[in-house]
Amino acid sequence: MDALTEGTLAAARRVIEEVVMRQFSPGVVAAVEVRPWVFEDEEDLWVEVVLVRPFSEAEREKKAGLTTTLRDRLAEVGERRFPVVDFMTKAEALKMKREAARPY
């Protein structure tokens, strides 16, 4: 697999953001962050979807098919890295950032 460059990461980020925003109702997704992630010598894409509020039942069903849709769209632009998707609310994201900033 080709190395992940700033250009290929930016292209993957555009595709991922487009798919996520189309998959869910307007006003549900606050932010989408994409970064490289290495697990067991495989380079993947870590996708963090920050939600304004928890999903409704209908949105949970759309969530189930997101990884497949992402993989298909990424493949169309030549990106074969696996998108590992994590969902959290804004409150959960803020809590994680506060905990990460605490001195130990």
PDB file of N, CA and C in Angstrom:
ATOM      1  N   MET A   1       0.852  -1.170   0.000  1.00  0.00           N
ATOM      2  CA  MET A   1       0.000   0.000   0.000  1.00  0.00           C
ATOM      3  C   MET A   1       0.899   1.235   0.000  1.00  0.00           C
ATOM      4  N   ASP A   2       0.516   2.248  -0.761  1.00  0.00           N
ATOM      5  CA  ASP A   2       1.288   3.480  -0.824  1.00  0.00           C
ATOM      6  C   ASP A   2       1.281   4.182   0.530  1.00  0.00           C
ATOM      7  N   ALA A   3       2.336   4.944   0.760  1.00  0.00           N
ATOM      8  CA  ALA A   3       2.429   5.712   2.005  1.00  0.00           C
ATOM      9  C   ALA A   3       1.326   6.765   2.043  1.00  0.00           C
ATOM     10  N   LEU A   4       0.863   7.029   3.234  1.00  0.00           N
ATOM     11  CA  LEU A   4      -0.165   8.048   3.429  1.00  0.00           C
ATOM     12  C   LEU A   4       0.521   9.407   3.503  1.00  0.00           C
ATOM     13  N   THR A   5       0.242  10.255   2.533  1.00  0.00           N
ATOM     14  CA  THR A   5       0.829  11.597   2.493  1.00  0.00           C
ATOM     15  C   THR A   5      -0.230  12.607   2.915  1.00  0.00           C
ATOM     16  N   GLU A   6       0.184  13.852   3.076  1.00  0.00           N
ATOM     17  CA  GLU A   6      -0.784  14.910   3.391  1.00  0.00           C
ATOM     18  C   GLU A   6      -1.858  14.991   2.303  1.00  0.00           C
ATOM     19  N   GLY A   7      -1.444  14.816   1.046  1.00  0.00           N
ATOM     20  CA  GLY A   7      -2.393  14.877  -0.069  1.00  0.00           C
ATOM     21  C   GLY A   7      -3.395  13.744  -0.064  1.00  0.00           C
ATOM     22  N   THR A   8      -2.910  12.511   0.164  1.00  0.00           N
ATOM     23  CA  THR A   8      -3.841  11.375   0.172  1.00  0.00           C
ATOM     24  C   THR A   8      -4.727  11.405   1.413  1.00  0.00           C
ATOM     25  N   LEU A   9      -4.177  11.884   2.546  1.00  0.00           N
ATOM     26  CA  LEU A   9      -4.993  12.022   3.753  1.00  0.00           C
ATOM     27  C   LEU A   9      -6.078  13.077   3.532  1.00  0.00           C
ATOM     28  N   ALA A  10      -5.735  14.184   2.888  1.00  0.00           N
ATOM     29  CA  ALA A  10      -6.718  15.239   2.610  1.00  0.00           C
ATOM     30  C   ALA A  10      -7.818  14.724   1.691  1.00  0.00           C
ATOM     31  N   ALA A  11      -7.454  13.939   0.683  1.00  0.00           N
ATOM     32  CA  ALA A  11      -8.454  13.370  -0.241  1.00  0.00           C
ATOM     33  C   ALA A  11      -9.378  12.411   0.501  1.00  0.00           C
ATOM     34  N   ALA A  12      -8.803  11.563   1.352  1.00  0.00           N
ATOM     35  CA  ALA A  12      -9.613  10.624   2.136  1.00  0.00           C
ATOM     36  C   ALA A  12     -10.524  11.388   3.084  1.00  0.00           C
ATOM     37  N   ARG A  13      -9.997  12.435   3.691  1.00  0.00           N
ATOM     38  CA  ARG A  13     -10.785  13.247   4.630  1.00  0.00           C
ATOM     39  C   ARG A  13     -11.998  13.867   3.922  1.00  0.00           C
ATOM     40  N   ARG A  14     -11.803  14.379   2.711  1.00  0.00           N
ATOM     41  CA  ARG A  14     -12.924  14.978   1.974  1.00  0.00           C
ATOM     42  C   ARG A  14     -14.012  13.948   1.690  1.00  0.00           C
ATOM     43  N   VAL A  15     -13.604  12.764   1.249  1.00  0.00           N
ATOM     44  CA  VAL A  15     -14.569  11.703   0.955  1.00  0.00           C
ATOM     45  C   VAL A  15     -15.314  11.295   2.226  1.00  0.00           C
ATOM     46  N   ILE A  16     -14.579  11.094   3.300  1.00  0.00           N
ATOM     47  CA  ILE A  16     -15.191  10.648   4.558  1.00  0.00           C
ATOM     48  C   ILE A  16     -16.168  11.695   5.080  1.00  0.00           C
ATOM     49  N   GLU A  17     -15.768  12.960   5.094  1.00  0.00           N
ATOM     50  CA  GLU A  17     -16.663  14.016   5.573  1.00  0.00           C
ATOM     51  C   GLU A  17     -17.933  14.082   4.733  1.00  0.00           C
ATOM     52  N   GLU A  18     -17.787  13.968   3.417  1.00  0.00           N
ATOM     53  CA  GLU A  18     -18.948  14.009   2.523  1.00  0.00           C
ATOM     54  C   GLU A  18     -19.907  12.857   2.826  1.00  0.00           C
ATOM     55  N   VAL A  19     -19.376  11.651   2.958  1.00  0.00           N
ATOM     56  CA  VAL A  19     -20.223  10.482   3.222  1.00  0.00           C
ATOM     57  C   VAL A  19     -20.920  10.614   4.571  1.00  0.00           C
ATOM     58  N   VAL A  20     -20.190  10.997   5.603  1.00  0.00           N
ATOM     59  CA  VAL A  20     -20.783  11.117   6.946  1.00  0.00           C
ATOM     60  C   VAL A  20     -21.888  12.164   6.946  1.00  0.00           C
ATOM     61  N   MET A  21     -21.638  13.317   6.337  1.00  0.00           N
ATOM     62  CA  MET A  21     -22.643  14.386   6.340  1.00  0.00           C
ATOM     63  C   MET A  21     -23.893  13.990   5.545  1.00  0.00           C
ATOM     64  N   ARG A  22     -23.717  13.208   4.488  1.00  0.00           N
ATOM     65  CA  ARG A  22     -24.880  12.752   3.701  1.00  0.00           C
ATOM     66  C   ARG A  22     -25.649  11.648   4.420  1.00  0.00           C
ATOM     67  N   GLN A  23     -24.944  10.842   5.201  1.00  0.00           N
ATOM     68  CA  GLN A  23     -25.552   9.678   5.856  1.00  0.00           C
ATOM     69  C   GLN A  23     -26.524  10.089   6.968  1.00  0.00           C
ATOM     70  N   PHE A  24     -26.232  11.217   7.632  1.00  0.00           N
ATOM     71  CA  PHE A  24     -27.029  11.599   8.800  1.00  0.00           C
ATOM     72  C   PHE A  24     -27.753  12.917   8.579  1.00  0.00           C
ATOM     73  N   SER A  25     -28.821  13.112   9.341  1.00  0.00           N
ATOM     74  CA  SER A  25     -29.644  14.319   9.219  1.00  0.00           C
ATOM     75  C   SER A  25     -28.816  15.567   9.515  1.00  0.00           C
ATOM     76  N   PRO A  26     -29.187  16.684   8.868  1.00  0.00           N
ATOM     77  CA  PRO A  26     -28.490  17.938   9.167  1.00  0.00           C
ATOM     78  C   PRO A  26     -28.597  18.266  10.666  1.00  0.00           C
ATOM     79  N   GLY A  27     -27.531  18.779  11.215  1.00  0.00           N
ATOM     80  CA  GLY A  27     -27.533  19.156  12.623  1.00  0.00           C
ATOM     81  C   GLY A  27     -27.184  18.041  13.586  1.00  0.00           C
ATOM     82  N   VAL A  28     -26.933  16.833  13.086  1.00  0.00           N
ATOM     83  CA  VAL A  28     -26.587  15.711  13.964  1.00  0.00           C
ATOM     84  C   VAL A  28     -25.079  15.643  14.185  1.00  0.00           C
ATOM     85  N   VAL A  29     -24.299  15.860  13.142  1.00  0.00           N
ATOM     86  CA  VAL A  29     -22.843  15.730  13.217  1.00  0.00           C
ATOM     87  C   VAL A  29     -22.226  17.101  13.464  1.00  0.00           C
ATOM     88  N   ALA A  30     -21.454  17.207  14.549  1.00  0.00           N
ATOM     89  CA  ALA A  30     -20.773  18.460  14.885  1.00  0.00           C
ATOM     90  C   ALA A  30     -19.425  18.549  14.180  1.00  0.00           C
ATOM     91  N   ALA A  31     -18.719  17.418  14.078  1.00  0.00           N
ATOM     92  CA  ALA A  31     -17.383  17.426  13.474  1.00  0.00           C
ATOM     93  C   ALA A  31     -16.996  16.020  13.047  1.00  0.00           C
ATOM     94  N   VAL A  32     -16.090  15.966  12.072  1.00  0.00           N
ATOM     95  CA  VAL A  32     -15.520  14.699  11.617  1.00  0.00           C
ATOM     96  C   VAL A  32     -14.010  14.895  11.586  1.00  0.00           C
ATOM     97  N   GLU A  33     -13.292  14.060  12.312  1.00  0.00           N
ATOM     98  CA  GLU A  33     -11.836  14.131  12.325  1.00  0.00           C
ATOM     99  C   GLU A  33     -11.287  12.826  11.768  1.00  0.00           C
ATOM    100  N   VAL A  34     -10.284  12.939  10.910  1.00  0.00           N
ATOM    101  CA  VAL A  34      -9.674  11.767  10.280  1.00  0.00           C
ATOM    102  C   VAL A  34      -8.171  11.861  10.482  1.00  0.00           C
ATOM    103  N   ARG A  35      -7.580  10.766  10.952  1.00  0.00           N
ATOM    104  CA  ARG A  35      -6.125  10.749  11.123  1.00  0.00           C
ATOM    105  C   ARG A  35      -5.612   9.337  10.875  1.00  0.00           C
ATOM    106  N   PRO A  36      -4.333   9.228  10.545  1.00  0.00           N
ATOM    107  CA  PRO A  36      -3.751   7.895  10.361  1.00  0.00           C
ATOM    108  C   PRO A  36      -3.763   7.136  11.686  1.00  0.00           C
ATOM    109  N   TRP A  37      -3.887   5.819  11.588  1.00  0.00           N
ATOM    110  CA  TRP A  37      -3.878   4.977  12.777  1.00  0.00           C
ATOM    111  C   TRP A  37      -3.221   3.662  12.412  1.00  0.00           C
ATOM    112  N   VAL A  38      -2.233   3.273  13.178  1.00  0.00           N
ATOM    113  CA  VAL A  38      -1.523   2.018  12.912  1.00  0.00           C
ATOM    114  C   VAL A  38      -1.912   1.007  13.981  1.00  0.00           C
ATOM    115  N   PHE A  39      -2.337  -0.164  13.518  1.00  0.00           N
ATOM    116  CA  PHE A  39      -2.705  -1.252  14.424  1.00  0.00           C
ATOM    117  C   PHE A  39      -2.136  -2.540  13.852  1.00  0.00           C
ATOM    118  N   GLU A  40      -1.322  -3.208  14.634  1.00  0.00           N
ATOM    119  CA  GLU A  40      -0.699  -4.476  14.216  1.00  0.00           C
ATOM    120  C   GLU A  40      -0.050  -4.361  12.841  1.00  0.00           C
ATOM    121  N   ASP A  41       0.775  -3.336  12.673  1.00  0.00           N
ATOM    122  CA  ASP A  41       1.534  -3.090  11.442  1.00  0.00           C
ATOM    123  C   ASP A  41       0.682  -2.738  10.222  1.00  0.00           C
ATOM    124  N   GLU A  42      -0.582  -2.506  10.414  1.00  0.00           N
ATOM    125  CA  GLU A  42      -1.458  -2.086   9.319  1.00  0.00           C
ATOM    126  C   GLU A  42      -1.821  -0.621   9.531  1.00  0.00           C
ATOM    127  N   GLU A  43      -1.685   0.174   8.489  1.00  0.00           N
ATOM    128  CA  GLU A  43      -2.064   1.582   8.592  1.00  0.00           C
ATOM    129  C   GLU A  43      -3.514   1.734   8.149  1.00  0.00           C
ATOM    130  N   ASP A  44      -4.330   2.237   9.036  1.00  0.00           N
ATOM    131  CA  ASP A  44      -5.746   2.449   8.775  1.00  0.00           C
ATOM    132  C   ASP A  44      -6.058   3.930   8.913  1.00  0.00           C
ATOM    133  N   LEU A  45      -7.327   4.264   8.817  1.00  0.00           N
ATOM    134  CA  LEU A  45      -7.788   5.631   9.029  1.00  0.00           C
ATOM    135  C   LEU A  45      -8.702   5.657  10.244  1.00  0.00           C
ATOM    136  N   TRP A  46      -8.353   6.446  11.241  1.00  0.00           N
ATOM    137  CA  TRP A  46      -9.191   6.602  12.430  1.00  0.00           C
ATOM    138  C   TRP A  46     -10.149   7.745  12.141  1.00  0.00           C
ATOM    139  N   VAL A  47     -11.442   7.460  12.192  1.00  0.00           N
ATOM    140  CA  VAL A  47     -12.478   8.447  11.897  1.00  0.00           C
ATOM    141  C   VAL A  47     -13.261   8.697  13.175  1.00  0.00           C
ATOM    142  N   GLU A  48     -13.200   9.916  13.667  1.00  0.00           N
ATOM    143  CA  GLU A  48     -13.920  10.287  14.877  1.00  0.00           C
ATOM    144  C   GLU A  48     -15.086  11.177  14.468  1.00  0.00           C
ATOM    145  N   VAL A  49     -16.304  10.711  14.736  1.00  0.00           N
ATOM    146  CA  VAL A  49     -17.503  11.469  14.404  1.00  0.00           C
ATOM    147  C   VAL A  49     -18.075  12.008  15.708  1.00  0.00           C
ATOM    148  N   VAL A  50     -18.076  13.340  15.820  1.00  0.00           N
ATOM    149  CA  VAL A  50     -18.587  13.995  17.025  1.00  0.00           C
ATOM    150  C   VAL A  50     -20.019  14.432  16.743  1.00  0.00           C
ATOM    151  N   LEU A  51     -20.922  13.988  17.614  1.00  0.00           N
ATOM    152  CA  LEU A  51     -22.356  14.227  17.435  1.00  0.00           C
ATOM    153  C   LEU A  51     -22.837  15.369  18.311  1.00  0.00           C
ATOM    154  N   VAL A  52     -23.788  16.127  17.802  1.00  0.00           N
ATOM    155  CA  VAL A  52     -24.412  17.193  18.585  1.00  0.00           C
ATOM    156  C   VAL A  52     -25.229  16.568  19.713  1.00  0.00           C
ATOM    157  N   ARG A  53     -25.855  15.454  19.410  1.00  0.00           N
ATOM    158  CA  ARG A  53     -26.715  14.748  20.376  1.00  0.00           C
ATOM    159  C   ARG A  53     -26.629  13.259  20.076  1.00  0.00           C
ATOM    160  N   PRO A  54     -27.071  12.419  20.996  1.00  0.00           N
ATOM    161  CA  PRO A  54     -27.088  10.973  20.700  1.00  0.00           C
ATOM    162  C   PRO A  54     -27.993  10.672  19.505  1.00  0.00           C
ATOM    163  N   PHE A  55     -27.718   9.558  18.848  1.00  0.00           N
ATOM    164  CA  PHE A  55     -28.503   9.138  17.690  1.00  0.00           C
ATOM    165  C   PHE A  55     -29.937   8.792  18.058  1.00  0.00           C
ATOM    166  N   SER A  56     -30.853   9.050  17.119  1.00  0.00           N
ATOM    167  CA  SER A  56     -32.214   8.533  17.224  1.00  0.00           C
ATOM    168  C   SER A  56     -32.183   7.086  16.743  1.00  0.00           C
ATOM    169  N   GLU A  57     -33.280   6.395  16.867  1.00  0.00           N
ATOM    170  CA  GLU A  57     -33.351   5.000  16.422  1.00  0.00           C
ATOM    171  C   GLU A  57     -33.072   4.892  14.918  1.00  0.00           C
ATOM    172  N   ALA A  58     -33.659   5.774  14.135  1.00  0.00           N
ATOM    173  CA  ALA A  58     -33.455   5.741  12.675  1.00  0.00           C
ATOM    174  C   ALA A  58     -31.997   6.020  12.324  1.00  0.00           C
ATOM    175  N   GLU A  59     -31.367   6.928  13.043  1.00  0.00           N
ATOM    176  CA  GLU A  59     -29.968   7.251  12.781  1.00  0.00           C
ATOM    177  C   GLU A  59     -29.049   6.102  13.174  1.00  0.00           C
ATOM    178  N   ARG A  60     -29.412   5.358  14.193  1.00  0.00           N
ATOM    179  CA  ARG A  60     -28.618   4.189  14.590  1.00  0.00           C
ATOM    180  C   ARG A  60     -28.570   3.163  13.472  1.00  0.00           C
ATOM    181  N   GLU A  61     -29.682   3.016  12.747  1.00  0.00           N
ATOM    182  CA  GLU A  61     -29.714   2.083  11.619  1.00  0.00           C
ATOM    183  C   GLU A  61     -28.772   2.540  10.507  1.00  0.00           C
ATOM    184  N   LYS A  62     -28.712   3.844  10.251  1.00  0.00           N
ATOM    185  CA  LYS A  62     -27.799   4.375   9.245  1.00  0.00           C
ATOM    186  C   LYS A  62     -26.345   4.186   9.672  1.00  0.00           C
ATOM    187  N   LYS A  63     -26.100   4.267  10.958  1.00  0.00           N
ATOM    188  CA  LYS A  63     -24.750   4.093  11.507  1.00  0.00           C
ATOM    189  C   LYS A  63     -24.207   2.706  11.166  1.00  0.00           C
ATOM    190  N   ALA A  64     -25.080   1.715  11.181  1.00  0.00           N
ATOM    191  CA  ALA A  64     -24.661   0.334  10.949  1.00  0.00           C
ATOM    192  C   ALA A  64     -24.019   0.138   9.578  1.00  0.00           C
ATOM    193  N   GLY A  65     -24.462   0.865   8.572  1.00  0.00           N
ATOM    194  CA  GLY A  65     -23.926   0.693   7.231  1.00  0.00           C
ATOM    195  C   GLY A  65     -22.828   1.673   6.857  1.00  0.00           C
ATOM    196  N   LEU A  66     -22.418   2.513   7.786  1.00  0.00           N
ATOM    197  CA  LEU A  66     -21.470   3.571   7.457  1.00  0.00           C
ATOM    198  C   LEU A  66     -20.111   3.047   7.017  1.00  0.00           C
ATOM    199  N   THR A  67     -19.559   2.069   7.699  1.00  0.00           N
ATOM    200  CA  THR A  67     -18.223   1.580   7.350  1.00  0.00           C
ATOM    201  C   THR A  67     -18.195   1.021   5.938  1.00  0.00           C
ATOM    202  N   THR A  68     -19.213   0.270   5.564  1.00  0.00           N
ATOM    203  CA  THR A  68     -19.275  -0.291   4.215  1.00  0.00           C
ATOM    204  C   THR A  68     -19.360   0.824   3.179  1.00  0.00           C
ATOM    205  N   THR A  69     -20.200   1.811   3.433  1.00  0.00           N
ATOM    206  CA  THR A  69     -20.325   2.937   2.507  1.00  0.00           C
ATOM    207  C   THR A  69     -18.999   3.683   2.390  1.00  0.00           C
ATOM    208  N   LEU A  70     -18.327   3.908   3.519  1.00  0.00           N
ATOM    209  CA  LEU A  70     -17.032   4.580   3.497  1.00  0.00           C
ATOM    210  C   LEU A  70     -16.010   3.785   2.685  1.00  0.00           C
ATOM    211  N   ARG A  71     -15.949   2.489   2.916  1.00  0.00           N
ATOM    212  CA  ARG A  71     -14.975   1.659   2.188  1.00  0.00           C
ATOM    213  C   ARG A  71     -15.217   1.709   0.684  1.00  0.00           C
ATOM    214  N   ASP A  72     -16.481   1.642   0.287  1.00  0.00           N
ATOM    215  CA  ASP A  72     -16.815   1.695  -1.140  1.00  0.00           C
ATOM    216  C   ASP A  72     -16.400   3.028  -1.753  1.00  0.00           C
ATOM    217  N   ARG A  73     -16.724   4.137  -1.098  1.00  0.00           N
ATOM    218  CA  ARG A  73     -16.389   5.470  -1.625  1.00  0.00           C
ATOM    219  C   ARG A  73     -14.881   5.709  -1.612  1.00  0.00           C
ATOM    220  N   LEU A  74     -14.186   5.244  -0.564  1.00  0.00           N
ATOM    221  CA  LEU A  74     -12.737   5.400  -0.521  1.00  0.00           C
ATOM    222  C   LEU A  74     -12.076   4.604  -1.642  1.00  0.00           C
ATOM    223  N   ALA A  75     -12.593   3.410  -1.898  1.00  0.00           N
ATOM    224  CA  ALA A  75     -12.045   2.583  -2.979  1.00  0.00           C
ATOM    225  C   ALA A  75     -12.192   3.275  -4.336  1.00  0.00           C
ATOM    226  N   GLU A  76     -13.269   4.022  -4.516  1.00  0.00           N
ATOM    227  CA  GLU A  76     -13.487   4.743  -5.768  1.00  0.00           C
ATOM    228  C   GLU A  76     -12.390   5.770  -6.041  1.00  0.00           C
ATOM    229  N   VAL A  77     -11.772   6.289  -4.980  1.00  0.00           N
ATOM    230  CA  VAL A  77     -10.694   7.275  -5.148  1.00  0.00           C
ATOM    231  C   VAL A  77      -9.317   6.642  -4.923  1.00  0.00           C
ATOM    232  N   GLY A  78      -9.279   5.300  -4.879  1.00  0.00           N
ATOM    233  CA  GLY A  78      -8.006   4.589  -4.766  1.00  0.00           C
ATOM    234  C   GLY A  78      -7.468   4.422  -3.363  1.00  0.00           C
ATOM    235  N   GLU A  79      -8.275   4.706  -2.365  1.00  0.00           N
ATOM    236  CA  GLU A  79      -7.833   4.572  -0.964  1.00  0.00           C
ATOM    237  C   GLU A  79      -8.298   3.225  -0.420  1.00  0.00           C
ATOM    238  N   ARG A  80      -7.329   2.394  -0.013  1.00  0.00           N
ATOM    239  CA  ARG A  80      -7.666   1.051   0.466  1.00  0.00           C
ATOM    240  C   ARG A  80      -7.531   0.882   1.980  1.00  0.00           C
ATOM    241  N   ARG A  81      -7.152   1.924   2.680  1.00  0.00           N
ATOM    242  CA  ARG A  81      -7.039   1.815   4.134  1.00  0.00           C
ATOM    243  C   ARG A  81      -8.433   1.649   4.746  1.00  0.00           C
ATOM    244  N   PHE A  82      -8.490   0.893   5.832  1.00  0.00           N
ATOM    245  CA  PHE A  82      -9.771   0.604   6.482  1.00  0.00           C
ATOM    246  C   PHE A  82     -10.172   1.777   7.380  1.00  0.00           C
ATOM    247  N   PRO A  83     -11.398   2.277   7.251  1.00  0.00           N
ATOM    248  CA  PRO A  83     -11.852   3.361   8.121  1.00  0.00           C
ATOM    249  C   PRO A  83     -12.406   2.809   9.441  1.00  0.00           C
ATOM    250  N   VAL A  84     -11.704   3.046  10.516  1.00  0.00           N
ATOM    251  CA  VAL A  84     -12.147   2.644  11.848  1.00  0.00           C
ATOM    252  C   VAL A  84     -12.944   3.824  12.412  1.00  0.00           C
ATOM    253  N   VAL A  85     -14.243   3.641  12.602  1.00  0.00           N
ATOM    254  CA  VAL A  85     -15.122   4.755  12.953  1.00  0.00           C
ATOM    255  C   VAL A  85     -15.496   4.703  14.433  1.00  0.00           C
ATOM    256  N   ASP A  86     -15.344   5.858  15.087  1.00  0.00           N
ATOM    257  CA  ASP A  86     -15.708   6.017  16.492  1.00  0.00           C
ATOM    258  C   ASP A  86     -16.697   7.173  16.592  1.00  0.00           C
ATOM    259  N   PHE A  87     -17.781   6.961  17.306  1.00  0.00           N
ATOM    260  CA  PHE A  87     -18.793   7.992  17.500  1.00  0.00           C
ATOM    261  C   PHE A  87     -18.780   8.446  18.947  1.00  0.00           C
ATOM    262  N   MET A  88     -18.952   9.749  19.148  1.00  0.00           N
ATOM    263  CA  MET A  88     -19.095  10.276  20.502  1.00  0.00           C
ATOM    264  C   MET A  88     -19.866  11.585  20.430  1.00  0.00           C
ATOM    265  N   THR A  89     -20.518  11.931  21.534  1.00  0.00           N
ATOM    266  CA  THR A  89     -21.216  13.209  21.592  1.00  0.00           C
ATOM    267  C   THR A  89     -20.204  14.305  21.889  1.00  0.00           C
ATOM    268  N   LYS A  90     -20.627  15.555  21.698  1.00  0.00           N
ATOM    269  CA  LYS A  90     -19.751  16.689  21.999  1.00  0.00           C
ATOM    270  C   LYS A  90     -19.324  16.648  23.462  1.00  0.00           C
ATOM    271  N   ALA A  91     -20.249  16.294  24.350  1.00  0.00           N
ATOM    272  CA  ALA A  91     -19.931  16.232  25.779  1.00  0.00           C
ATOM    273  C   ALA A  91     -18.846  15.185  26.049  1.00  0.00           C
ATOM    274  N   GLU A  92     -18.958  14.029  25.403  1.00  0.00           N
ATOM    275  CA  GLU A  92     -17.943  12.984  25.582  1.00  0.00           C
ATOM    276  C   GLU A  92     -16.589  13.426  25.027  1.00  0.00           C
ATOM    277  N   ALA A  93     -16.605  14.125  23.879  1.00  0.00           N
ATOM    278  CA  ALA A  93     -15.367  14.600  23.273  1.00  0.00           C
ATOM    279  C   ALA A  93     -14.687  15.625  24.177  1.00  0.00           C
ATOM    280  N   LEU A  94     -15.466  16.536  24.747  1.00  0.00           N
ATOM    281  CA  LEU A  94     -14.895  17.536  25.653  1.00  0.00           C
ATOM    282  C   LEU A  94     -14.320  16.880  26.907  1.00  0.00           C
ATOM    283  N   LYS A  95     -15.017  15.891  27.440  1.00  0.00           N
ATOM    284  CA  LYS A  95     -14.526  15.179  28.622  1.00  0.00           C
ATOM    285  C   LYS A  95     -13.186  14.490  28.316  1.00  0.00           C
ATOM    286  N   MET A  96     -13.093  13.861  27.153  1.00  0.00           N
ATOM    287  CA  MET A  96     -11.846  13.184  26.778  1.00  0.00           C
ATOM    288  C   MET A  96     -10.700  14.185  26.640  1.00  0.00           C
ATOM    289  N   LYS A  97     -10.973  15.348  26.051  1.00  0.00           N
ATOM    290  CA  LYS A  97      -9.930  16.358  25.884  1.00  0.00           C
ATOM    291  C   LYS A  97      -9.480  16.900  27.234  1.00  0.00           C
ATOM    292  N   ARG A  98     -10.408  17.105  28.141  1.00  0.00           N
ATOM    293  CA  ARG A  98     -10.055  17.576  29.493  1.00  0.00           C
ATOM    294  C   ARG A  98      -9.197  16.547  30.207  1.00  0.00           C
ATOM    295  N   GLU A  99      -9.573  15.271  30.105  1.00  0.00           N
ATOM    296  CA  GLU A  99      -8.812  14.217  30.761  1.00  0.00           C
ATOM    297  C   GLU A  99      -7.404  14.089  30.154  1.00  0.00           C
ATOM    298  N   ALA A 100      -7.306  14.258  28.842  1.00  0.00           N
ATOM    299  CA  ALA A 100      -6.000  14.172  28.187  1.00  0.00           C
ATOM    300  C   ALA A 100      -5.098  15.332  28.577  1.00  0.00           C
ATOM    301  N   ALA A 101      -5.683  16.463  28.918  1.00  0.00           N
ATOM    302  CA  ALA A 101      -4.894  17.648  29.265  1.00  0.00           C
ATOM    303  C   ALA A 101      -4.456  17.664  30.728  1.00  0.00           C
ATOM    304  N   ARG A 102      -5.004  16.755  31.530  1.00  0.00           N
ATOM    305  CA  ARG A 102      -4.649  16.735  32.963  1.00  0.00           C
ATOM    306  C   ARG A 102      -3.196  16.302  33.151  1.00  0.00           C
ATOM    307  N   PRO A 103      -2.459  17.031  33.990  1.00  0.00           N
ATOM    308  CA  PRO A 103      -1.089  16.599  34.281  1.00  0.00           C
ATOM    309  C   PRO A 103      -1.098  15.393  35.219  1.00  0.00           C
ATOM    310  N   TYR A 104      -0.176  14.489  34.993  1.00  0.00           N
ATOM    311  CA  TYR A 104      -0.097  13.291  35.851  1.00  0.00           C
ATOM    312  C   TYR A 104       1.188  13.272  36.593  1.00  0.00           C
TER     313      TYR A 104
END
